[in-house]
Amino acid sequence: MMTALRFDQAAATRQSAALTASDAPQTATVAGELLVTGPARDTAAGILTARGFDLVAEAGSVALWRHPSADVAGTCADLRVLGLVAAPNHVIVAAAVSKGRGAAAPSPVAAAVGKGRGATAPSPTALRPAGPAGSTAGAGVRVAVLDSGPGRPVDGVLPGAAGHGTFVAGIVRQVAPAAAITTIEVLDDTGTGTEFTAAAALFALAAEAEAPQLVNLSFVALGPAGEPVPIGLDAAVRELKDRHPGTIVVAAAGNTASSTPAFPAAFKSVLAVGTPSAYSNHGWWVDCTVAADGIVSDLTTGVRDTGVALVEQHSPWAAWTGTSFAAPQITGILAVLISHGWDSAAALTALSRPATAGR
């Protein structure tokens, strides 16, 4: 049986309006860094070494190269002319973002939202996350949440997006309380990370003898218009699916109100989840939608920098809006179906029915 999630209507209205009214999306890559993959990596290595690049790290079939003052875009273009697979190292951000400008702060449940960016005033309600006590829903199912950690204060203050991963995992737990959920940190407390870090985590899952049945990615990659897809994430997702065909990867579609494919959600082998709200990305590549405005879940307590003011949150729950919080709802539903004996193909087919999903 599915559990309806609790939501804070006031927070939902303010946060959704703020996302919809925000500026156009920005793009971002890591300065001086590029990724190389494919069978001709040795050829690329010779060229990059000659140009002064240093090999920083390797994960699976992807190599990370760095040159602080190099023209990365130009170098990637030169390599692609030679038939090599190279692209900048994309910045990834939590999909609770305000039009690609960084992760928006959640609204503590016992407070209203000021300008959609953080809590400024108390609220007469104090909601708790839903979820039946003692439920066996999701039993025996392993879920990996690639996201941020629980949140670590800096000089006694939590960054606005701190605890995003805890919040996302909490949503999965509300729907599938008995699932075994592991959070793997690929984002920092500002809700920001790098493509290579996320790819490395996916390659590590691919290398496991038994990968989790479900992987939740509540982040999007920011890249320059016209650039190739994030090649590191592409290679890592392919490796995971090749080695573990039954693993389902679920990703947030992003919040830029755009029909342009956003990755990793837009990869063919990934289940892309949006919301019916105006801020949500949409289009042929979005597989299903679910409401995710003002969703209530677990969050780290403490003083938080909302971007507007410092707000002390005493309650361990908060309300947050964005496709970041749509994806884990679907992940939770899939966990329940799998725990009831459905295989991954049957579970995905169930989600394609009009009653549970939309295009």
Protein backbone atom coordinates (compact mmCIF):
# COMPACT_ATOMS: atom_id res chain seq x y z
CA MET A 1 0.00 0.00 0.00
CA MET A 2 1.28 3.45 -0.93
CA THR A 3 1.54 6.20 1.66
CA ALA A 4 0.53 9.77 0.85
CA LEU A 5 3.30 12.17 1.76
CA ARG A 6 2.60 15.15 4.00
CA PHE A 7 3.04 18.60 2.54
CA ASP A 8 3.09 22.17 3.77
CA GLN A 9 0.70 24.12 1.53
CA ALA A 10 2.05 27.55 2.47
CA ALA A 11 5.63 26.51 1.80
CA ALA A 12 4.59 24.81 -1.43
CA THR A 13 2.90 27.94 -2.78
CA ARG A 14 5.78 30.27 -1.96
CA GLN A 15 8.60 27.97 -3.08
CA SER A 16 6.89 26.97 -6.33
CA ALA A 17 6.25 30.62 -7.20
CA ALA A 18 9.88 31.49 -6.46
CA LEU A 19 11.17 28.71 -8.71
CA THR A 20 8.85 29.69 -11.54
CA ALA A 21 9.73 33.38 -11.34
CA SER A 22 13.50 32.93 -11.22
CA ASP A 23 16.03 33.98 -13.83
CA ALA A 24 17.06 31.88 -16.84
CA PRO A 25 19.24 28.85 -16.08
CA GLN A 26 22.99 29.22 -15.89
CA THR A 27 25.58 26.68 -16.94
CA ALA A 28 28.77 25.70 -15.20
CA THR A 29 31.80 23.49 -15.59
CA VAL A 30 34.79 22.99 -13.32
CA ALA A 31 37.51 25.46 -14.34
CA GLY A 32 40.56 23.86 -15.90
CA GLU A 33 39.16 20.31 -15.86
CA LEU A 34 38.06 17.94 -18.59
CA LEU A 35 37.04 14.31 -18.85
CA VAL A 36 38.14 11.73 -21.39
CA THR A 37 36.60 8.33 -22.00
CA GLY A 38 36.43 5.73 -24.75
CA PRO A 39 38.91 3.23 -26.23
CA ALA A 40 41.38 5.89 -27.41
CA ARG A 41 42.15 7.34 -23.97
CA ASP A 42 45.87 6.62 -24.40
CA THR A 43 45.95 8.76 -27.53
CA ALA A 44 44.19 11.56 -25.68
CA ALA A 45 46.62 11.17 -22.77
CA GLY A 46 49.60 11.84 -25.02
CA ILE A 47 48.02 14.98 -26.45
CA LEU A 48 46.94 16.32 -23.09
CA THR A 49 50.31 15.66 -21.47
CA ALA A 50 52.01 17.54 -24.30
CA ARG A 51 49.69 20.48 -23.66
CA GLY A 52 50.57 20.59 -19.96
CA PHE A 53 47.55 18.81 -18.51
CA ASP A 54 47.95 16.57 -15.46
CA LEU A 55 46.09 13.32 -14.94
CA VAL A 56 44.23 13.84 -11.64
CA ALA A 57 42.19 10.66 -11.23
CA GLU A 58 40.55 7.77 -13.02
CA ALA A 59 37.24 6.03 -12.35
CA GLY A 60 36.06 3.18 -14.51
CA SER A 61 36.59 4.19 -18.12
CA VAL A 62 36.77 7.93 -17.34
CA ALA A 63 39.92 9.98 -16.75
CA LEU A 64 39.97 13.43 -15.14
CA TRP A 65 42.59 15.86 -16.47
CA ARG A 66 43.46 19.33 -15.18
CA HIS A 67 45.30 22.42 -16.40
CA PRO A 68 44.40 25.56 -14.41
CA SER A 69 44.93 28.03 -17.25
CA ALA A 70 44.03 25.94 -20.30
CA ASP A 71 41.27 26.62 -22.79
CA VAL A 72 39.26 23.54 -21.84
CA ALA A 73 36.47 24.08 -24.38
CA GLY A 74 38.98 24.53 -27.18
CA THR A 75 41.01 21.50 -26.09
CA CYS A 76 37.89 19.32 -26.00
CA ALA A 77 36.92 20.53 -29.47
CA ASP A 78 40.39 19.66 -30.78
CA LEU A 79 40.19 16.17 -29.30
CA ARG A 80 36.73 15.57 -30.72
CA VAL A 81 37.94 16.53 -34.20
CA LEU A 82 40.37 13.61 -33.85
CA GLY A 83 37.49 11.28 -32.96
CA LEU A 84 38.26 11.25 -29.24
CA VAL A 85 35.59 11.47 -26.53
CA ALA A 86 36.26 14.51 -24.35
CA ALA A 87 34.16 17.13 -22.57
CA PRO A 88 34.39 19.57 -19.64
CA ASN A 89 33.81 18.27 -16.11
CA HIS A 90 30.28 19.51 -15.47
CA VAL A 91 29.13 21.00 -12.20
CA ILE A 92 26.16 19.12 -10.75
CA VAL A 93 23.58 20.73 -8.47
CA ALA A 94 20.76 19.48 -6.30
CA ALA A 95 17.46 19.61 -8.16
CA ALA A 96 15.92 21.81 -5.49
CA VAL A 97 17.59 24.66 -7.33
CA SER A 98 16.18 28.00 -8.32
CA LYS A 99 16.78 28.03 -12.07
CA GLY A 100 20.30 26.67 -11.88
CA ARG A 101 21.55 29.32 -9.47
CA GLY A 102 22.27 26.97 -6.58
CA ALA A 103 20.18 24.94 -4.21
CA ALA A 104 17.31 26.86 -2.66
CA ALA A 105 16.90 26.59 1.10
CA PRO A 106 14.10 24.48 2.56
CA SER A 107 11.34 25.98 4.64
CA PRO A 108 11.25 24.69 8.22
CA VAL A 109 7.83 23.19 8.84
CA ALA A 110 7.11 25.57 11.71
CA ALA A 111 7.83 28.63 9.59
CA ALA A 112 6.77 30.39 6.43
CA VAL A 113 9.03 31.14 3.49
CA GLY A 114 10.31 34.61 2.70
CA LYS A 115 10.76 35.25 -1.03
CA GLY A 116 10.87 31.50 -1.56
CA ARG A 117 14.44 31.34 -0.28
CA GLY A 118 14.17 30.55 3.42
CA ALA A 119 12.21 30.73 6.65
CA THR A 120 11.34 34.13 8.09
CA ALA A 121 8.20 33.77 10.21
CA PRO A 122 6.60 31.10 12.42
CA SER A 123 3.71 29.01 11.18
CA PRO A 124 0.81 27.66 13.26
CA THR A 125 1.37 24.12 11.99
CA ALA A 126 4.09 21.58 12.70
CA LEU A 127 3.74 18.66 10.31
CA ARG A 128 5.61 15.38 10.50
CA PRO A 129 6.61 13.09 7.62
CA ALA A 130 4.06 10.44 6.77
CA GLY A 131 4.72 6.73 6.88
CA PRO A 132 3.10 3.80 8.67
CA ALA A 133 4.98 2.60 11.74
CA GLY A 134 6.17 -0.98 11.50
CA SER A 135 5.43 -1.25 7.78
CA THR A 136 7.34 -3.91 5.82
CA ALA A 137 6.97 -2.02 2.54
CA GLY A 138 10.28 -2.11 0.69
CA ALA A 139 11.68 -5.00 2.72
CA GLY A 140 14.66 -6.67 1.08
CA VAL A 141 15.22 -3.82 -1.39
CA ARG A 142 18.49 -1.89 -1.44
CA VAL A 143 18.43 1.78 -2.46
CA ALA A 144 21.46 4.00 -3.09
CA VAL A 145 20.88 7.75 -2.82
CA LEU A 146 23.71 9.70 -4.47
CA ASP A 147 23.40 13.10 -2.87
CA SER A 148 24.75 15.24 -0.01
CA GLY A 149 25.50 14.24 3.56
CA PRO A 150 23.55 15.15 6.70
CA GLY A 151 24.97 18.68 6.86
CA ARG A 152 28.00 20.06 8.67
CA PRO A 153 27.93 23.54 10.22
CA VAL A 154 30.61 26.05 9.23
CA ASP A 155 31.27 28.41 12.13
CA GLY A 156 28.03 27.18 13.64
CA VAL A 157 25.93 27.83 10.52
CA LEU A 158 24.54 25.29 8.04
CA PRO A 159 24.59 26.23 4.34
CA GLY A 160 21.12 26.57 2.82
CA ALA A 161 21.08 23.18 1.08
CA ALA A 162 22.69 21.22 3.91
CA GLY A 163 20.91 17.94 4.53
CA HIS A 164 19.47 17.67 1.01
CA GLY A 165 20.49 14.01 0.89
CA THR A 166 18.94 13.32 4.29
CA PHE A 167 15.72 14.92 3.08
CA VAL A 168 15.70 12.85 -0.13
CA ALA A 169 16.43 9.59 1.72
CA GLY A 170 13.66 10.46 4.18
CA ILE A 171 11.15 10.65 1.34
CA VAL A 172 12.14 7.19 0.11
CA ARG A 173 11.78 5.93 3.68
CA GLN A 174 8.28 7.39 4.01
CA VAL A 175 7.11 5.38 1.01
CA ALA A 176 9.21 2.26 1.62
CA PRO A 177 10.00 2.21 5.35
CA ALA A 178 11.68 -1.20 5.31
CA ALA A 179 14.02 -0.58 2.38
CA ALA A 180 17.77 -0.52 3.08
CA ILE A 181 18.80 3.01 2.10
CA THR A 182 22.44 4.06 1.72
CA THR A 183 23.40 7.68 1.08
CA ILE A 184 26.58 8.22 -0.93
CA GLU A 185 27.95 11.76 -0.79
CA VAL A 186 28.54 13.36 -4.19
CA LEU A 187 27.26 16.85 -3.33
CA ASP A 188 28.53 19.25 -0.68
CA ASP A 189 26.36 21.17 1.76
CA THR A 190 25.68 23.90 -0.79
CA GLY A 191 24.07 21.25 -3.01
CA THR A 192 26.96 21.36 -5.47
CA GLY A 193 29.33 18.70 -6.77
CA THR A 194 31.16 17.56 -9.90
CA GLU A 195 30.27 15.16 -12.64
CA PHE A 196 33.44 13.13 -12.06
CA THR A 197 32.63 12.58 -8.38
CA ALA A 198 29.14 11.31 -9.22
CA ALA A 199 30.47 9.15 -12.05
CA ALA A 200 33.06 7.61 -9.72
CA ALA A 201 30.30 6.69 -7.26
CA LEU A 202 28.27 5.05 -10.04
CA PHE A 203 31.31 3.11 -11.26
CA ALA A 204 31.83 1.90 -7.69
CA LEU A 205 28.24 0.62 -7.58
CA ALA A 206 28.76 -1.07 -10.95
CA ALA A 207 31.80 -2.88 -9.56
CA GLU A 208 29.82 -4.41 -6.69
CA ALA A 209 28.89 -8.08 -6.91
CA GLU A 210 25.30 -7.15 -6.08
CA ALA A 211 24.39 -3.58 -6.89
CA PRO A 212 21.37 -1.92 -5.26
CA GLN A 213 18.09 -2.48 -7.04
CA LEU A 214 17.46 1.27 -7.11
CA VAL A 215 19.68 4.34 -7.47
CA ASN A 216 18.26 7.82 -6.85
CA LEU A 217 19.91 10.87 -8.44
CA SER A 218 18.28 14.12 -7.29
CA PHE A 219 20.72 16.36 -9.14
CA VAL A 220 21.27 17.80 -12.61
CA ALA A 221 24.40 18.59 -14.56
CA LEU A 222 24.99 22.18 -15.67
CA GLY A 223 26.83 22.43 -18.97
CA PRO A 224 27.37 24.93 -21.78
CA ALA A 225 24.76 24.96 -24.52
CA GLY A 226 25.87 22.94 -27.52
CA GLU A 227 28.32 20.79 -25.54
CA PRO A 228 28.01 17.00 -25.65
CA VAL A 229 26.11 15.20 -22.93
CA PRO A 230 28.03 14.70 -19.67
CA ILE A 231 30.31 11.92 -20.90
CA GLY A 232 31.44 10.83 -17.44
CA LEU A 233 27.91 10.28 -16.17
CA ASP A 234 26.95 8.66 -19.47
CA ALA A 235 29.81 6.14 -19.26
CA ALA A 236 29.11 5.39 -15.59
CA VAL A 237 25.37 4.84 -16.06
CA ARG A 238 26.06 2.59 -19.05
CA GLU A 239 28.55 0.56 -17.02
CA LEU A 240 26.09 0.18 -14.14
CA LYS A 241 23.27 -0.92 -16.45
CA ASP A 242 25.51 -3.26 -18.44
CA ARG A 243 26.73 -5.07 -15.32
CA HIS A 244 23.44 -4.93 -13.43
CA PRO A 245 20.56 -4.78 -15.95
CA GLY A 246 17.99 -5.07 -13.18
CA THR A 247 19.11 -1.91 -11.41
CA ILE A 248 16.77 1.03 -11.97
CA VAL A 249 18.27 4.53 -11.99
CA VAL A 250 15.80 7.29 -11.12
CA ALA A 251 16.71 10.96 -11.62
CA ALA A 252 15.16 14.37 -11.09
CA ALA A 253 14.26 16.20 -14.29
CA GLY A 254 15.35 19.60 -12.96
CA ASN A 255 13.62 22.90 -12.27
CA THR A 256 14.36 25.19 -15.21
CA ALA A 257 10.88 25.06 -16.82
CA SER A 258 12.56 23.86 -19.99
CA SER A 259 11.95 21.14 -22.56
CA THR A 260 15.68 20.86 -23.26
CA PRO A 261 16.90 17.45 -22.03
CA ALA A 262 18.67 17.66 -18.67
CA PHE A 263 21.12 15.00 -17.57
CA PRO A 264 21.43 12.46 -16.07
CA ALA A 265 17.62 12.25 -16.17
CA ALA A 266 17.50 12.39 -19.98
CA PHE A 267 19.73 9.36 -20.54
CA LYS A 268 17.61 6.66 -22.19
CA SER A 269 18.33 4.10 -19.50
CA VAL A 270 17.36 6.49 -16.66
CA LEU A 271 13.82 7.09 -15.38
CA ALA A 272 13.30 10.87 -15.56
CA VAL A 273 10.89 12.30 -12.97
CA GLY A 274 9.36 15.75 -13.10
CA THR A 275 6.43 17.48 -11.41
CA PRO A 276 3.22 18.97 -12.84
CA SER A 277 4.29 22.42 -11.59
CA ALA A 278 5.36 25.24 -13.91
CA TYR A 279 9.00 25.23 -12.76
CA SER A 280 9.56 21.58 -13.70
CA ASN A 281 11.44 20.57 -16.81
CA HIS A 282 9.24 18.73 -19.25
CA GLY A 283 9.17 17.12 -22.68
CA TRP A 284 9.40 13.80 -24.45
CA TRP A 285 12.33 12.71 -22.28
CA VAL A 286 10.48 13.03 -18.95
CA ASP A 287 9.00 9.62 -18.08
CA CYS A 288 6.63 10.47 -15.25
CA THR A 289 5.53 13.27 -12.95
CA VAL A 290 4.46 13.49 -9.33
CA ALA A 291 3.59 16.48 -7.16
CA ALA A 292 6.58 17.69 -5.14
CA ASP A 293 5.69 21.11 -3.78
CA GLY A 294 6.08 21.62 -0.04
CA ILE A 295 7.02 18.00 0.62
CA VAL A 296 7.74 17.29 4.29
CA SER A 297 10.73 15.16 5.27
CA ASP A 298 13.67 14.88 7.67
CA LEU A 299 16.23 17.67 7.87
CA THR A 300 19.24 18.54 9.99
CA THR A 301 18.44 20.94 12.82
CA GLY A 302 20.48 24.04 13.62
CA VAL A 303 21.08 27.57 12.39
CA ARG A 304 20.76 27.73 8.60
CA ASP A 305 21.77 30.41 6.10
CA THR A 306 18.74 30.64 3.83
CA GLY A 307 20.25 33.30 1.59
CA VAL A 308 17.91 35.86 3.12
CA ALA A 309 18.60 35.46 6.82
CA LEU A 310 20.02 33.11 9.44
CA VAL A 311 17.18 30.89 10.67
CA GLU A 312 17.33 28.49 13.59
CA GLN A 313 15.43 25.31 12.90
CA HIS A 314 14.42 23.35 16.00
CA SER A 315 12.14 20.84 14.28
CA PRO A 316 13.79 17.83 12.60
CA TRP A 317 11.34 18.20 9.70
CA ALA A 318 10.96 20.75 6.94
CA ALA A 319 9.04 21.44 3.75
CA TRP A 320 10.89 21.68 0.42
CA THR A 321 9.91 22.01 -3.22
CA GLY A 322 11.47 20.73 -6.45
CA THR A 323 11.97 17.74 -8.71
CA SER A 324 14.64 16.61 -6.23
CA PHE A 325 11.72 15.47 -4.12
CA ALA A 326 9.67 13.96 -6.94
CA ALA A 327 12.35 11.43 -7.86
CA PRO A 328 12.58 9.76 -4.42
CA GLN A 329 8.80 9.33 -4.31
CA ILE A 330 9.03 7.25 -7.48
CA THR A 331 12.09 5.45 -6.10
CA GLY A 332 10.07 4.56 -3.01
CA ILE A 333 7.12 3.29 -5.06
CA LEU A 334 9.46 1.11 -7.13
CA ALA A 335 11.02 -0.25 -3.92
CA VAL A 336 7.59 -1.29 -2.68
CA LEU A 337 6.72 -2.99 -5.97
CA ILE A 338 10.04 -4.84 -6.05
CA SER A 339 9.59 -5.93 -2.43
CA HIS A 340 6.26 -7.46 -3.46
CA GLY A 341 8.01 -9.63 -6.03
CA TRP A 342 7.79 -7.48 -9.14
CA ASP A 343 10.86 -7.50 -11.37
CA SER A 344 12.29 -4.20 -12.56
CA ALA A 345 10.63 -4.39 -16.00
CA ALA A 346 7.19 -5.03 -14.53
CA ALA A 347 7.63 -2.26 -11.95
CA LEU A 348 8.57 0.25 -14.66
CA THR A 349 5.61 -0.85 -16.78
CA ALA A 350 3.29 -0.19 -13.84
CA LEU A 351 4.58 3.37 -13.61
CA SER A 352 3.72 3.99 -17.27
CA ARG A 353 0.00 3.54 -16.62
CA PRO A 354 -2.00 6.80 -16.80
CA ALA A 355 -3.08 6.50 -13.15
CA THR A 356 0.50 6.72 -11.88
CA ALA A 357 2.46 8.63 -14.48
CA GLY A 358 2.24 11.29 -17.14
CA ARG A 359 4.16 12.29 -20.21
